[in-house]
Amino acid sequence: MALTTPILYSVPAFDATQEQVFTFAVVGGSQVVANTLTIKDNVTLTTVYSQTQTTYRFEHILPANTLTNGTYYQATLTTKDAQGNESSPSNPIQFYCYTQPTFVITNMPTGNVVTNSSFAFNVTYNQEQGEILNAYVFNLYSASGVLISTSGTMYNTDSTLPLTISYLFSGFEDKASYSIEVTGVTTNGTQITTGRVGFTTSYTTPDTFSFLFLTNNCKGGYITIESNIIGIDGETNPDPATYIDNKEIDVRADGNYVQWVNGYKINGNWTMRLWGRHYRPNKEIFRFSNVNGDIITVVYCVDDTQCWFEMRGWHSGDTWAYTIESQHIALPDKTEQLFTWLRRVDNLYELKIENRGVEV
C-alpha cells in the first residue's frame, strides 16, 4: 500500500526561542513510521531546517532556537513507511516567528485590594517586532472560579505599541474575593493571557446624601432648616407637556422629551436619580451632554424575562464608548416604578436599577 500525501496543519505565529510542535494528518495508505519537516525562508526560499524524526505520532517537534524571530517562513512535510518509501510533500503552510508578546495588568492596587465597588483594569500589550493585538476579552471570576462577568470579545483598531486597553467591572461586594483574567489573540493567531490575578475588596459604603439639614436653636426656640435642593425650569417637546393625572410627564412618543439646559454645573463626583415607568424597550431614557460633544446616556434594555440599564459614555471623537450595566431584574409591569441610580466617584461609575412597585 502506497503512502498518501500528508496534510500539514497551519500554526499561529510563535516565539522561535521556544519549542514548537507541528501536527499533520494522513488519510489511508501505508503506516507512517517517520516524517521529515522542511522549513524555508519565505522570501529567499533558502532551506533553514530539514530533519527527519522517527515516530508513530502525527507530529514533528521543532527544537527551540532553530529559527529567527521577525522572519516569515514556509514549511512542508513528507512521511515515510517501514520500507523507507517517502510520500509526496504536503502543501506548504506559511507562518511568522515573533518574540512572545507581553500582556500584563498594570494597575492592580496595593496588596491587590480594590477599595471601591467598581474598578477599571488596565492591561498593556507590547510585541518586539510590532505585531498588533487583534482581539481580547476581560473575564471576572468568583472566589470559586465561576465566571460571573465578561466584556465579551472586543476588537482592537489601534496599531500603536505599546497598547493599553481597559475595562470597568462594577458591582463588587465588600470584603469579597475575585480573580480577573484577560486573554487575547494577535493578528497572526498567537494566543496570549495575563493569567488569573486574584484580588479582594474592602471599601466603605458612602453615607446617604441628605437633602435637608436641621439646626436646633435652643435659646430662640426654633429650628433652622437648610436645603441643597435647587429648582431648575426645564424645556419640553411638545410644549405644553403631556401629563398623566397631573403627576407624571409622558415622553413615550418619538420626539417627546424634557431637557434642562441652564442653571446648573456638573463636575467632580455626583449622583443622578431618576424615577419612571413603562419605558420603551431598548431605548435611551436619559442623556447628559455638553458643548464639547461629550455624552453620557442611559438605555433601558430588555430580553424575554429581564430588564436592566446600560450606561454608555464617550468623549467627542472617541470610537468606543465606556459602557457599564446595572444588575438584571425581572421585567416590571407597566404600572410599576423603576428607580435609576447613577453615581460617579473619582471617574468611576456605578449604575443601579430597582423596582419600586406601584406608587400610590
Protein backbone atom coordinates (compact mmCIF):
# COMPACT_ATOMS: atom_id res chain seq x y z
CA MET A 1 0.00 0.00 0.00
CA ALA A 2 1.44 3.41 -1.01
CA LEU A 3 1.82 6.42 1.21
CA THR A 4 -0.69 9.23 0.77
CA THR A 5 0.18 12.91 0.72
CA PRO A 6 0.06 14.30 4.29
CA ILE A 7 -1.91 17.38 5.32
CA LEU A 8 0.27 19.77 7.37
CA TYR A 9 -1.82 21.89 9.72
CA SER A 10 -1.25 25.63 9.92
CA VAL A 11 0.40 27.14 13.01
CA PRO A 12 -0.02 30.59 14.55
CA ALA A 13 2.94 32.89 14.97
CA PHE A 14 5.26 31.54 17.66
CA ASP A 15 8.41 32.51 19.54
CA ALA A 16 11.47 30.93 17.89
CA THR A 17 13.19 30.64 21.26
CA GLN A 18 10.50 28.12 22.29
CA GLU A 19 9.89 24.55 21.10
CA GLN A 20 7.07 24.29 18.56
CA VAL A 21 5.01 21.22 17.63
CA PHE A 22 3.85 20.85 14.01
CA THR A 23 0.96 18.41 13.51
CA PHE A 24 -0.33 16.71 10.38
CA ALA A 25 -2.88 14.19 9.16
CA VAL A 26 -2.85 11.34 6.65
CA VAL A 27 -5.82 9.62 5.05
CA GLY A 28 -5.29 5.94 4.29
CA GLY A 29 -2.10 4.50 2.82
CA SER A 30 0.80 2.73 4.48
CA GLN A 31 1.61 3.06 8.16
CA VAL A 32 3.71 6.13 8.88
CA VAL A 33 6.85 5.49 10.96
CA ALA A 34 8.75 8.75 10.36
CA ASN A 35 8.34 12.24 8.94
CA THR A 36 10.55 14.97 7.53
CA LEU A 37 9.81 18.66 8.13
CA THR A 38 11.39 21.17 5.76
CA ILE A 39 11.30 24.90 6.53
CA LYS A 40 12.37 27.67 4.14
CA ASP A 41 12.68 31.43 4.39
CA ASN A 42 9.52 32.51 2.56
CA VAL A 43 11.31 35.45 0.89
CA THR A 44 14.61 33.88 -0.25
CA LEU A 45 13.35 30.24 -0.33
CA THR A 46 16.58 29.22 1.39
CA THR A 47 16.17 25.98 3.37
CA VAL A 48 16.84 26.69 7.05
CA TYR A 49 15.67 23.39 8.54
CA SER A 50 15.13 19.85 7.21
CA GLN A 51 15.14 16.98 9.68
CA THR A 52 13.59 13.53 9.93
CA GLN A 53 12.03 12.28 13.17
CA THR A 54 11.10 8.64 13.74
CA THR A 55 7.71 8.45 15.46
CA TYR A 56 4.27 6.93 15.02
CA ARG A 57 2.71 10.17 16.20
CA PHE A 58 1.48 12.57 13.54
CA GLU A 59 3.68 15.39 14.77
CA HIS A 60 7.12 16.93 14.34
CA ILE A 61 8.81 18.79 17.21
CA LEU A 62 10.86 21.78 16.10
CA PRO A 63 13.63 22.44 18.65
CA ALA A 64 13.90 25.83 20.33
CA ASN A 65 16.26 28.41 18.79
CA THR A 66 16.15 26.76 15.35
CA LEU A 67 14.53 29.74 13.60
CA THR A 68 14.82 33.52 13.96
CA ASN A 69 12.15 35.86 15.31
CA GLY A 70 10.93 38.52 12.92
CA THR A 71 11.06 36.19 9.89
CA TYR A 72 8.32 34.82 7.64
CA TYR A 73 8.67 31.11 6.81
CA GLN A 74 7.04 28.32 4.84
CA ALA A 75 7.02 24.62 5.72
CA THR A 76 6.28 21.31 4.02
CA LEU A 77 6.23 17.76 5.39
CA THR A 78 6.75 14.27 3.95
CA THR A 79 6.12 10.88 5.60
CA LYS A 80 7.99 7.56 5.44
CA ASP A 81 6.91 3.95 5.91
CA ALA A 82 8.85 0.97 7.31
CA GLN A 83 10.27 0.15 3.88
CA GLY A 84 11.81 3.62 3.56
CA ASN A 85 9.33 4.86 0.98
CA GLU A 86 8.64 8.61 1.12
CA SER A 87 5.38 10.39 0.34
CA SER A 88 4.86 13.46 -1.79
CA PRO A 89 5.34 16.70 0.17
CA SER A 90 2.33 18.37 1.75
CA ASN A 91 1.03 21.69 0.55
CA PRO A 92 3.16 24.44 2.11
CA ILE A 93 1.99 26.47 5.08
CA GLN A 94 3.26 29.97 5.95
CA PHE A 95 3.91 31.37 9.40
CA TYR A 96 5.77 34.10 11.30
CA CYS A 97 8.19 33.78 14.16
CA TYR A 98 7.76 36.59 16.67
CA THR A 99 9.05 37.22 20.17
CA GLN A 100 6.41 36.27 22.73
CA PRO A 101 4.24 39.36 23.40
CA THR A 102 3.95 40.87 26.86
CA PHE A 103 0.40 41.13 28.20
CA VAL A 104 0.19 42.42 31.78
CA ILE A 105 -2.38 44.01 34.11
CA THR A 106 -0.58 47.21 35.05
CA ASN A 107 -2.74 48.97 37.64
CA MET A 108 -3.54 46.41 40.33
CA PRO A 109 -3.85 48.39 43.60
CA THR A 110 -1.53 47.93 46.57
CA GLY A 111 -1.89 44.47 48.03
CA ASN A 112 -4.38 43.63 45.28
CA VAL A 113 -7.11 45.24 47.41
CA VAL A 114 -9.78 47.15 45.47
CA THR A 115 -11.25 49.93 47.63
CA ASN A 116 -14.37 50.56 45.57
CA SER A 117 -17.39 48.67 44.26
CA SER A 118 -16.08 49.31 40.72
CA PHE A 119 -12.62 49.17 39.18
CA ALA A 120 -11.25 49.77 35.67
CA PHE A 121 -8.50 47.23 34.95
CA ASN A 122 -5.72 48.35 32.60
CA VAL A 123 -3.71 45.88 30.51
CA THR A 124 -0.63 46.78 28.49
CA TYR A 125 0.25 44.80 25.35
CA ASN A 126 3.58 45.02 23.56
CA GLN A 127 5.47 42.96 20.99
CA GLU A 128 9.09 43.45 19.94
CA GLN A 129 8.55 43.09 16.18
CA GLY A 130 5.40 45.22 16.18
CA GLU A 131 2.74 42.51 15.82
CA ILE A 132 -0.67 44.04 16.57
CA LEU A 133 -3.23 42.79 19.07
CA ASN A 134 -6.36 41.71 17.20
CA ALA A 135 -8.95 40.91 19.89
CA TYR A 136 -9.25 40.48 23.65
CA VAL A 137 -11.66 39.51 26.45
CA PHE A 138 -11.79 40.61 30.11
CA ASN A 139 -13.21 37.87 32.38
CA LEU A 140 -14.14 38.22 36.06
CA TYR A 141 -14.36 35.11 38.28
CA SER A 142 -15.71 34.45 41.75
CA ALA A 143 -13.53 33.05 44.52
CA SER A 144 -14.63 29.55 43.49
CA GLY A 145 -13.59 30.14 39.87
CA VAL A 146 -17.06 30.66 38.40
CA LEU A 147 -17.26 33.19 35.55
CA ILE A 148 -19.54 35.99 36.80
CA SER A 149 -18.93 38.78 34.27
CA THR A 150 -17.23 39.26 30.92
CA SER A 151 -16.54 42.05 28.48
CA GLY A 152 -17.22 39.73 25.57
CA THR A 153 -14.86 39.79 22.59
CA MET A 154 -13.55 43.28 21.94
CA TYR A 155 -11.61 44.14 18.76
CA ASN A 156 -8.59 46.41 18.63
CA THR A 157 -8.22 49.07 15.92
CA ASP A 158 -5.15 50.82 17.35
CA SER A 159 -1.78 49.95 15.77
CA THR A 160 0.24 51.94 18.32
CA LEU A 161 2.59 49.96 20.58
CA PRO A 162 2.77 49.63 23.48
CA LEU A 163 -1.02 49.45 23.67
CA THR A 164 -3.10 49.94 26.83
CA ILE A 165 -6.64 48.54 26.95
CA SER A 166 -9.13 48.95 29.78
CA TYR A 167 -12.43 47.59 31.03
CA LEU A 168 -14.52 48.51 34.07
CA PHE A 169 -16.21 45.90 36.24
CA SER A 170 -18.75 47.13 38.78
CA GLY A 171 -20.95 45.70 41.50
CA PHE A 172 -18.18 44.18 43.65
CA GLU A 173 -19.36 43.11 47.07
CA ASP A 174 -17.44 44.43 50.06
CA LYS A 175 -14.87 42.10 51.65
CA ALA A 176 -15.13 39.56 48.85
CA SER A 177 -12.55 37.70 46.75
CA TYR A 178 -12.40 37.66 42.97
CA SER A 179 -9.94 36.99 40.16
CA ILE A 180 -9.54 38.55 36.74
CA GLU A 181 -8.03 37.15 33.55
CA VAL A 182 -7.57 38.91 30.24
CA THR A 183 -6.99 36.80 27.13
CA GLY A 184 -6.10 37.97 23.65
CA VAL A 185 -5.12 36.90 20.16
CA THR A 186 -2.67 38.65 17.85
CA THR A 187 -3.18 39.36 14.16
CA ASN A 188 -1.21 36.19 13.34
CA GLY A 189 -3.11 33.98 15.76
CA THR A 190 -0.88 33.88 18.85
CA GLN A 191 -2.97 33.20 21.96
CA ILE A 192 -1.94 35.27 25.00
CA THR A 193 -3.17 35.68 28.56
CA THR A 194 -2.43 37.66 31.70
CA GLY A 195 -3.18 34.59 33.76
CA ARG A 196 -5.71 34.80 36.57
CA VAL A 197 -4.88 37.51 39.09
CA GLY A 198 -6.67 37.38 42.43
CA PHE A 199 -7.85 40.40 44.40
CA THR A 200 -10.08 41.28 47.32
CA THR A 201 -12.38 44.22 48.03
CA SER A 202 -12.57 46.49 51.05
CA TYR A 203 -14.46 49.74 50.89
CA THR A 204 -16.71 51.98 52.95
CA THR A 205 -20.26 52.40 51.74
CA PRO A 206 -20.90 56.15 51.33
CA ASP A 207 -23.40 57.78 53.66
CA THR A 208 -26.71 58.66 52.10
CA PHE A 209 -26.75 62.25 50.88
CA SER A 210 -29.04 64.42 53.00
CA PHE A 211 -31.39 66.84 51.24
CA LEU A 212 -32.27 68.70 54.46
CA PHE A 213 -30.06 69.97 57.28
CA LEU A 214 -31.67 70.82 60.64
CA THR A 215 -30.10 73.09 63.27
CA ASN A 216 -31.72 73.30 66.71
CA ASN A 217 -31.63 76.85 68.13
CA CYS A 218 -32.43 76.18 71.77
CA LYS A 219 -32.32 79.75 73.05
CA GLY A 220 -34.52 81.06 70.29
CA GLY A 221 -36.93 78.14 70.46
CA TYR A 222 -36.82 77.36 66.74
CA ILE A 223 -35.20 75.01 64.21
CA THR A 224 -33.35 76.25 61.13
CA ILE A 225 -33.99 74.17 58.02
CA GLU A 226 -31.48 74.34 55.15
CA SER A 227 -31.59 72.55 51.81
CA ASN A 228 -29.22 71.93 48.90
CA ILE A 229 -32.14 71.45 46.53
CA ILE A 230 -32.30 73.91 43.64
CA GLY A 231 -35.33 74.09 41.38
CA ILE A 232 -34.49 74.36 37.65
CA ASP A 233 -37.05 75.08 34.93
CA GLY A 234 -36.98 72.59 32.08
CA GLU A 235 -37.98 72.74 28.42
CA THR A 236 -40.37 70.23 26.86
CA ASN A 237 -41.39 68.96 23.48
CA PRO A 238 -44.30 69.20 22.92
CA ASP A 239 -44.91 72.48 24.73
CA PRO A 240 -47.06 72.37 26.81
CA ALA A 241 -46.08 68.94 28.04
CA THR A 242 -48.44 65.96 28.24
CA TYR A 243 -49.17 64.92 31.84
CA ILE A 244 -50.75 61.77 33.29
CA ASP A 245 -53.13 62.58 36.19
CA ASN A 246 -51.15 65.77 36.77
CA LYS A 247 -48.43 63.63 38.42
CA GLU A 248 -46.26 62.21 35.63
CA ILE A 249 -44.96 63.67 32.38
CA ASP A 250 -45.45 61.43 29.33
CA VAL A 251 -42.43 61.33 27.00
CA ARG A 252 -43.03 57.90 25.43
CA ALA A 253 -43.80 59.16 21.91
CA ASP A 254 -40.99 59.68 19.41
CA GLY A 255 -39.61 63.20 19.65
CA ASN A 256 -41.02 63.88 23.14
CA TYR A 257 -38.51 65.00 25.76
CA VAL A 258 -37.76 67.15 28.76
CA GLN A 259 -34.40 68.93 28.91
CA TRP A 260 -32.61 71.18 31.38
CA VAL A 261 -30.10 73.46 29.69
CA ASN A 262 -29.18 76.16 32.21
CA GLY A 263 -28.92 76.78 35.94
CA TYR A 264 -26.53 74.01 36.98
CA LYS A 265 -23.00 72.67 36.56
CA ILE A 266 -21.93 69.01 36.81
CA ASN A 267 -18.32 68.11 37.59
CA GLY A 268 -16.32 66.08 40.09
CA ASN A 269 -18.27 63.41 41.96
CA TRP A 270 -22.05 63.29 41.58
CA THR A 271 -25.17 61.15 41.87
CA MET A 272 -28.15 61.13 39.50
CA ARG A 273 -31.55 59.65 40.42
CA LEU A 274 -34.44 59.06 38.04
CA TRP A 275 -37.90 57.57 38.58
CA GLY A 276 -40.08 56.37 35.72
CA ARG A 277 -42.24 53.57 34.38
CA HIS A 278 -43.46 51.94 31.16
CA TYR A 279 -40.17 52.69 29.37
CA ARG A 280 -39.89 51.76 25.71
CA PRO A 281 -37.68 48.65 25.36
CA ASN A 282 -34.07 49.14 24.27
CA LYS A 283 -34.42 52.92 24.01
CA GLU A 284 -32.44 55.78 25.51
CA ILE A 285 -34.19 57.23 28.56
CA PHE A 286 -31.65 59.78 29.77
CA ARG A 287 -28.74 61.79 28.40
CA PHE A 288 -26.01 64.10 29.71
CA SER A 289 -24.20 66.19 27.08
CA ASN A 290 -22.08 69.32 26.90
CA VAL A 291 -20.89 71.85 24.35
CA ASN A 292 -17.69 69.82 23.79
CA GLY A 293 -19.66 66.89 22.40
CA ASP A 294 -19.10 64.62 25.43
CA ILE A 295 -22.11 62.36 26.05
CA ILE A 296 -23.42 60.00 28.74
CA THR A 297 -26.59 58.04 28.00
CA VAL A 298 -28.68 55.54 29.93
CA VAL A 299 -30.55 52.92 27.88
CA TYR A 300 -33.40 50.71 29.13
CA CYS A 301 -32.57 47.17 27.92
CA VAL A 302 -34.80 44.10 27.96
CA ASP A 303 -34.87 40.47 26.87
CA ASP A 304 -37.63 37.88 27.19
CA THR A 305 -37.61 37.80 31.01
CA GLN A 306 -35.36 40.54 32.40
CA CYS A 307 -34.54 44.22 32.19
CA TRP A 308 -31.53 46.35 33.08
CA PHE A 309 -29.99 49.77 32.49
CA GLU A 310 -26.87 50.31 30.39
CA MET A 311 -24.73 53.43 30.65
CA ARG A 312 -22.66 54.49 27.65
CA GLY A 313 -20.23 57.39 27.87
CA TRP A 314 -17.76 58.78 25.37
CA HIS A 315 -15.75 61.89 24.63
CA SER A 316 -16.13 63.78 21.38
CA GLY A 317 -14.21 61.95 18.65
CA ASP A 318 -13.97 58.63 20.52
CA THR A 319 -14.70 55.47 18.52
CA TRP A 320 -15.59 53.29 21.51
CA ALA A 321 -17.87 54.06 24.41
CA TYR A 322 -17.23 53.46 28.13
CA THR A 323 -20.04 51.03 28.99
CA ILE A 324 -21.39 49.51 32.21
CA GLU A 325 -24.59 47.65 33.07
CA SER A 326 -26.76 47.57 36.17
CA GLN A 327 -27.83 44.28 37.67
CA HIS A 328 -30.59 42.41 35.76
CA ILE A 329 -34.06 42.17 37.35
CA ALA A 330 -37.42 40.65 36.36
CA LEU A 331 -39.46 42.58 33.82
CA PRO A 332 -41.79 45.04 35.60
CA ASP A 333 -45.45 45.65 34.95
CA LYS A 334 -46.15 48.91 33.11
CA THR A 335 -47.63 50.35 36.32
CA GLU A 336 -44.51 49.67 38.41
CA GLN A 337 -41.93 52.40 39.01
CA LEU A 338 -38.30 51.74 38.09
CA PHE A 339 -35.66 53.67 40.03
CA THR A 340 -32.39 54.57 38.29
CA TRP A 341 -29.28 55.47 40.31
CA LEU A 342 -26.10 56.59 38.51
CA ARG A 343 -23.08 57.71 40.53
CA ARG A 344 -19.59 58.91 39.57
CA VAL A 345 -16.82 58.79 42.17
CA ASP A 346 -13.22 59.54 41.11
CA ASN A 347 -14.14 58.98 37.44
CA LEU A 348 -15.56 55.51 38.16
CA TYR A 349 -19.24 54.94 37.51
CA GLU A 350 -21.81 52.76 39.25
CA LEU A 351 -25.30 52.07 37.91
CA LYS A 352 -28.24 50.53 39.78
CA ILE A 353 -31.83 49.55 38.98
CA GLU A 354 -34.65 48.92 41.46
CA ASN A 355 -38.33 48.08 41.07
CA ARG A 356 -40.21 50.37 43.49
CA GLY A 357 -43.59 48.82 42.70
CA VAL A 358 -46.80 50.76 42.13
CA GLU A 359 -46.65 54.30 43.52
CA VAL A 360 -49.79 55.33 45.41
